[in-house]
Each structure stands twice: as structure tokens, then as C-alpha cells.
N, C-alpha and C. Protein backbone atom coordinates (compact mmCIF):
# COMPACT_ATOMS: atom_id res chain seq x y z
N MET A 1 25.75 -7.29 -6.00
CA MET A 1 25.31 -6.73 -4.64
C MET A 1 23.75 -7.38 -4.29
N PRO A 2 23.22 -7.60 -3.20
CA PRO A 2 22.31 -7.86 -3.63
C PRO A 2 21.44 -7.00 -2.54
N HIS A 3 20.14 -7.12 -3.35
CA HIS A 3 19.27 -6.00 -2.82
C HIS A 3 18.33 -6.20 -2.50
N LYS A 4 17.06 -5.50 -1.31
CA LYS A 4 16.23 -6.23 -1.01
C LYS A 4 14.75 -6.13 -1.91
N PHE A 5 15.31 -6.16 -3.44
CA PHE A 5 13.55 -6.33 -4.32
C PHE A 5 13.87 -7.18 -4.47
N ASN A 6 13.90 -8.39 -3.63
CA ASN A 6 13.47 -9.87 -4.40
C ASN A 6 12.31 -10.82 -4.47
N ALA A 7 12.07 -11.24 -5.53
CA ALA A 7 10.93 -12.09 -5.36
C ALA A 7 9.81 -12.22 -4.35
N ALA A 8 10.40 -12.74 -2.67
CA ALA A 8 9.29 -13.47 -1.73
C ALA A 8 8.58 -10.55 -1.74
N ARG A 9 9.95 -10.09 -1.14
CA ARG A 9 9.41 -8.68 -1.70
C ARG A 9 8.88 -8.28 -2.52
N ARG A 10 9.24 -8.53 -3.79
CA ARG A 10 7.75 -8.28 -4.81
C ARG A 10 6.57 -8.21 -4.40
N HIS A 11 6.85 -10.04 -3.86
CA HIS A 11 5.31 -10.71 -3.80
C HIS A 11 4.58 -9.72 -3.17
N LYS A 12 5.50 -9.76 -1.83
CA LYS A 12 4.54 -9.03 -0.08
C LYS A 12 3.88 -7.90 -0.54
N PHE A 13 4.61 -7.25 -2.16
CA PHE A 13 4.07 -5.19 -2.30
C PHE A 13 3.02 -6.10 -3.57
N ASP A 14 3.08 -6.65 -4.72
CA ASP A 14 1.61 -7.02 -4.90
C ASP A 14 0.52 -7.44 -4.69
N GLN A 15 0.92 -8.27 -3.38
CA GLN A 15 -0.31 -8.23 -2.44
C GLN A 15 -1.12 -6.89 -1.67
N ALA A 16 0.58 -5.64 -1.29
CA ALA A 16 -0.29 -5.17 -0.94
C ALA A 16 -0.91 -3.66 -1.85
N SER A 17 -0.65 -4.31 -3.39
CA SER A 17 -0.91 -3.35 -4.00
C SER A 17 -2.59 -3.31 -4.76
N PHE A 18 -2.89 -1.55 -4.98
CA PHE A 18 -4.61 -1.64 -5.48
C PHE A 18 -4.43 -1.09 -6.91
N GLY A 19 -4.92 -1.84 -7.81
CA GLY A 19 -5.47 -1.30 -8.81
C GLY A 19 -4.20 -0.87 -9.95
N MET A 20 -2.73 -2.08 -9.80
CA MET A 20 -1.69 -1.79 -10.49
C MET A 20 -1.99 -2.88 -11.54
N ILE A 21 -1.35 -2.28 -12.51
CA ILE A 21 -1.35 -3.11 -13.97
C ILE A 21 -0.03 -4.19 -13.84
N HIS A 22 -0.15 -5.46 -14.04
CA HIS A 22 1.04 -6.34 -13.75
C HIS A 22 1.46 -6.88 -14.83
N ALA A 23 2.96 -6.98 -15.47
CA ALA A 23 2.80 -7.11 -16.59
C ALA A 23 3.81 -9.03 -16.45
N THR A 24 3.18 -9.77 -17.58
CA THR A 24 3.68 -11.41 -17.04
C THR A 24 5.11 -11.17 -17.53
N THR A 25 5.68 -11.99 -16.74
CA THR A 25 7.66 -12.66 -17.64
C THR A 25 7.29 -12.63 -18.92
N LEU A 26 6.14 -13.40 -19.59
CA LEU A 26 6.11 -13.48 -21.65
C LEU A 26 6.37 -12.07 -21.64
N SER A 27 5.80 -11.20 -21.35
CA SER A 27 5.27 -9.92 -22.04
C SER A 27 6.73 -9.24 -21.61
N THR A 28 7.36 -8.99 -20.79
CA THR A 28 8.53 -8.86 -19.98
C THR A 28 9.63 -9.25 -21.40
N ASP A 29 9.77 -10.32 -21.20
CA ASP A 29 10.87 -10.38 -22.11
C ASP A 29 11.11 -9.81 -23.52
N THR A 30 10.20 -9.59 -24.00
CA THR A 30 10.12 -8.41 -25.23
C THR A 30 10.83 -7.46 -24.98
N PHE A 31 10.94 -6.53 -23.84
CA PHE A 31 11.02 -5.30 -23.08
C PHE A 31 12.43 -5.36 -23.33
N ARG A 32 12.69 -3.70 -23.81
CA ARG A 32 14.52 -3.94 -23.92
C ARG A 32 14.33 -2.91 -22.82
N MET A 33 15.75 -2.89 -22.27
CA MET A 33 15.83 -2.43 -21.00
C MET A 33 17.50 -2.15 -20.59
N LEU A 34 17.68 -1.22 -19.62
CA LEU A 34 19.21 -1.12 -19.44
C LEU A 34 19.22 -1.04 -17.59
N GLN A 35 20.22 -1.53 -17.79
CA GLN A 35 21.07 -2.74 -16.74
C GLN A 35 22.18 -1.49 -16.09
N PRO A 36 21.30 -0.73 -15.00
CA PRO A 36 22.04 -0.09 -13.75
C PRO A 36 23.37 -0.37 -13.46
N GLY A 37 23.97 0.51 -13.17
CA GLY A 37 25.03 -0.30 -12.50
C GLY A 37 24.81 -0.22 -10.88
N GLN A 38 25.89 -0.24 -10.20
CA GLN A 38 25.35 -1.08 -8.84
C GLN A 38 25.74 0.33 -7.98
N ALA A 39 26.04 1.06 -8.43
CA ALA A 39 26.55 2.56 -7.68
C ALA A 39 24.85 2.94 -7.32
N LEU A 40 24.12 2.86 -9.30
CA LEU A 40 22.44 3.57 -9.15
C LEU A 40 22.05 2.96 -8.56
N LEU A 41 22.42 1.01 -8.32
CA LEU A 41 20.89 1.05 -7.91
C LEU A 41 21.47 1.06 -6.09
N ARG A 42 22.52 1.38 -5.42
CA ARG A 42 22.38 1.27 -4.17
C ARG A 42 21.92 3.02 -3.74
N ILE A 43 21.62 3.86 -4.60
CA ILE A 43 21.08 4.94 -4.59
C ILE A 43 19.85 5.11 -4.83
N PHE A 44 19.04 4.77 -5.99
CA PHE A 44 17.80 4.02 -6.02
C PHE A 44 16.75 2.92 -4.82
N ALA A 45 18.18 2.11 -4.05
CA ALA A 45 17.40 1.48 -3.31
C ALA A 45 17.48 2.22 -1.88
N GLY A 46 18.17 2.75 -1.52
CA GLY A 46 18.03 4.15 -0.73
C GLY A 46 16.61 4.92 -0.39
N ILE A 47 16.55 5.53 -1.84
CA ILE A 47 15.43 6.33 -1.26
C ILE A 47 14.24 5.09 -1.87
N ALA A 48 13.86 3.72 -2.96
CA ALA A 48 12.82 2.98 -3.35
C ALA A 48 12.51 2.46 -1.73
N GLU A 49 13.37 2.28 -1.12
CA GLU A 49 13.44 1.18 0.09
C GLU A 49 12.71 1.17 0.80
N PRO A 50 12.42 2.80 1.40
CA PRO A 50 11.97 3.20 2.55
C PRO A 50 10.33 3.60 2.03
N LEU A 51 10.27 4.24 0.97
CA LEU A 51 8.53 3.79 0.66
C LEU A 51 7.85 2.68 0.22
N LEU A 52 8.45 1.48 0.04
CA LEU A 52 7.68 0.58 -0.58
C LEU A 52 7.68 -0.45 1.30
N ASP A 53 8.92 0.01 1.81
CA ASP A 53 8.64 -0.45 3.89
C ASP A 53 7.19 0.33 4.28
N ARG A 54 7.19 2.21 3.93
CA ARG A 54 5.62 2.11 4.45
C ARG A 54 4.66 1.50 3.77
N THR A 55 4.38 1.58 2.39
CA THR A 55 3.96 1.20 1.78
C THR A 55 3.08 0.11 2.26
N VAL A 56 4.13 -0.91 2.46
CA VAL A 56 3.30 -2.51 2.67
C VAL A 56 3.23 -2.08 4.68
N ALA A 57 3.77 -1.26 5.16
CA ALA A 57 3.28 -1.52 6.48
C ALA A 57 2.32 -0.61 6.45
N ASN A 58 1.55 0.53 6.00
CA ASN A 58 0.26 0.79 5.39
C ASN A 58 -0.84 0.14 5.20
N THR A 59 -0.74 -0.97 4.34
CA THR A 59 -1.95 -1.49 3.23
C THR A 59 -2.33 -2.42 5.05
N PRO A 60 -2.14 -2.54 5.84
CA PRO A 60 -3.11 -3.10 6.66
C PRO A 60 -4.35 -1.62 7.79
N LYS A 61 -3.65 -1.27 7.92
CA LYS A 61 -4.67 0.30 8.14
C LYS A 61 -5.84 0.71 7.66
N GLY A 62 -4.88 0.80 5.80
CA GLY A 62 -6.12 1.00 4.35
C GLY A 62 -7.42 0.05 4.74
N ARG A 63 -6.59 -1.34 4.38
CA ARG A 63 -7.43 -2.00 4.60
C ARG A 63 -8.54 -1.91 6.37
N THR A 64 -8.44 -2.05 7.00
CA THR A 64 -9.11 -1.17 8.01
C THR A 64 -9.94 -0.18 8.45
N LEU A 65 -9.18 0.85 7.33
CA LEU A 65 -10.30 2.18 7.31
C LEU A 65 -11.03 2.04 6.41
N ALA A 66 -10.49 1.42 5.66
CA ALA A 66 -12.03 1.12 4.39
C ALA A 66 -13.27 0.32 4.90
N GLN A 67 -12.92 -1.02 5.90
CA GLN A 67 -13.77 -1.59 6.10
C GLN A 67 -14.51 -0.74 7.39
N LEU A 68 -14.16 0.15 8.22
CA LEU A 68 -14.64 0.98 8.88
C LEU A 68 -15.60 1.94 8.08
N ARG A 69 -15.24 2.34 6.79
CA ARG A 69 -16.16 3.19 5.80
C ARG A 69 -16.68 2.89 5.46
N GLN A 70 -16.88 1.22 5.06
CA GLN A 70 -17.92 0.51 4.68
C GLN A 70 -19.01 0.60 5.38
N THR A 71 -18.65 0.15 7.17
CA THR A 71 -19.60 0.26 7.91
C THR A 71 -20.41 1.21 8.25
N LEU A 72 -19.73 2.17 8.44
CA LEU A 72 -20.20 3.51 9.25
C LEU A 72 -20.87 3.95 8.14
N PHE A 73 -20.70 4.36 7.17
CA PHE A 73 -21.09 5.17 5.74
C PHE A 73 -22.23 4.96 5.97
N PRO A 74 -23.61 3.24 5.86
CA PRO A 74 -24.43 3.50 5.39
C PRO A 74 -25.36 3.80 7.45
N LYS A 75 -25.06 3.47 8.27
CA LYS A 75 -25.37 4.23 9.38
C LYS A 75 -25.61 5.61 9.39
N LEU A 76 -24.21 6.39 8.59
CA LEU A 76 -24.71 7.78 8.53
C LEU A 76 -25.52 8.67 8.01
N ILE A 77 -25.38 7.52 6.58
CA ILE A 77 -26.68 8.21 5.12
C ILE A 77 -27.77 7.76 6.15
N GLY A 78 -28.02 6.90 6.74
CA GLY A 78 -29.55 6.57 7.12
C GLY A 78 -30.01 6.91 8.71
N GLY A 79 -29.03 7.68 9.27
CA GLY A 79 -29.63 8.35 10.54
C GLY A 79 -29.23 7.80 11.99
N GLU A 80 -28.30 6.37 11.44
CA GLU A 80 -28.35 5.97 12.35
C GLU A 80 -27.15 6.74 13.68
N ILE A 81 -26.59 7.54 12.65
CA ILE A 81 -25.07 7.49 13.98
C ILE A 81 -24.92 9.24 13.40
N SER A 82 -24.68 10.02 13.82
CA SER A 82 -24.65 11.63 13.72
C SER A 82 -22.93 12.01 13.33
N LEU A 83 -22.38 12.63 13.31
CA LEU A 83 -20.89 13.10 12.99
C LEU A 83 -20.90 13.99 14.71
N SER A 84 -22.02 13.96 15.13
CA SER A 84 -21.47 14.70 17.09
C SER A 84 -21.70 13.88 18.19
N ASN A 85 -22.45 12.68 17.48
CA ASN A 85 -22.18 11.13 18.23
C ASN A 85 -20.78 10.51 18.38
N ALA A 86 -20.61 10.51 17.17
CA ALA A 86 -19.14 10.44 16.47
C ALA A 86 -17.89 10.90 17.55
N GLU A 87 -18.30 12.48 17.43
CA GLU A 87 -17.35 12.82 18.47
C GLU A 87 -17.17 13.24 19.98
N GLU A 88 -17.86 12.90 20.64
CA GLU A 88 -18.87 12.84 21.89
C GLU A 88 -17.80 11.73 21.97
N ALA A 89 -18.18 10.20 21.33
CA ALA A 89 -17.58 8.92 21.70
C ALA A 89 -15.76 9.01 21.27
N VAL A 90 -15.08 9.65 20.60
CA VAL A 90 -14.26 9.82 20.46
C VAL A 90 -13.32 10.74 21.65
N GLU A 91 -14.18 11.91 22.32
CA GLU A 91 -13.88 12.44 22.89
C GLU A 91 -14.03 11.80 24.42
N ALA A 92 -14.74 10.90 24.89
CA ALA A 92 -15.55 10.18 26.17
C ALA A 92 -14.04 9.49 26.02
N ALA A 93 -13.56 8.68 24.92
CA ALA A 93 -12.51 7.95 25.13
C ALA A 93 -11.09 8.10 25.09
N ALA A 94 -10.91 8.99 24.53
CA ALA A 94 -9.84 10.05 25.06
C ALA A 94 -9.21 10.49 26.18
């Protein structure tokens, strides 16, 4: 049964990951692993694929929020902007 966890998808997930340790193929060649049956793979895929899809979909949002934090935090600390001004801007935009 082909499943969605192929090399291209893993690569896409790797690009979305932060702080994960990745084993190389040289090190994984020495691992002893169980081979699950197709039924178990289908169950796992049904649970894991939606989580992986959400992780990949949320990555750009996370990067945008991190960039926004890096831009606004120094201004907030420096007194250049205040939370009340930000709240007013949000209300005016709504």
C-alpha cells in the first residue's frame, strides 16, 4: 500500500521542523526495527497525516509571527509603541 509518508513529504516536513535531531542513513542502517503490517500503517497514517498536514500548513504562520515579534518587541521595550496603542489600532482595523 503506498502511503503519503514518502521522501518528498518527509523533506517538506524537515523544512518545517525546528529543533529536531535527524539521524542519517548511515546511523539508521544499524537500527533494529519492527515492520508493522499494512492495517497498522493505515491506522497510523489516519492519525499522523492530519497532524503532519497541520504542522506543514502552520509553518509559514509561525515564521510570520516570529518575524513580527522580532520587529515589535524592541519597539515595545523601547517605549516606541504601547499595548494600548496596539489595541486601538486593532479595534480601528476591525
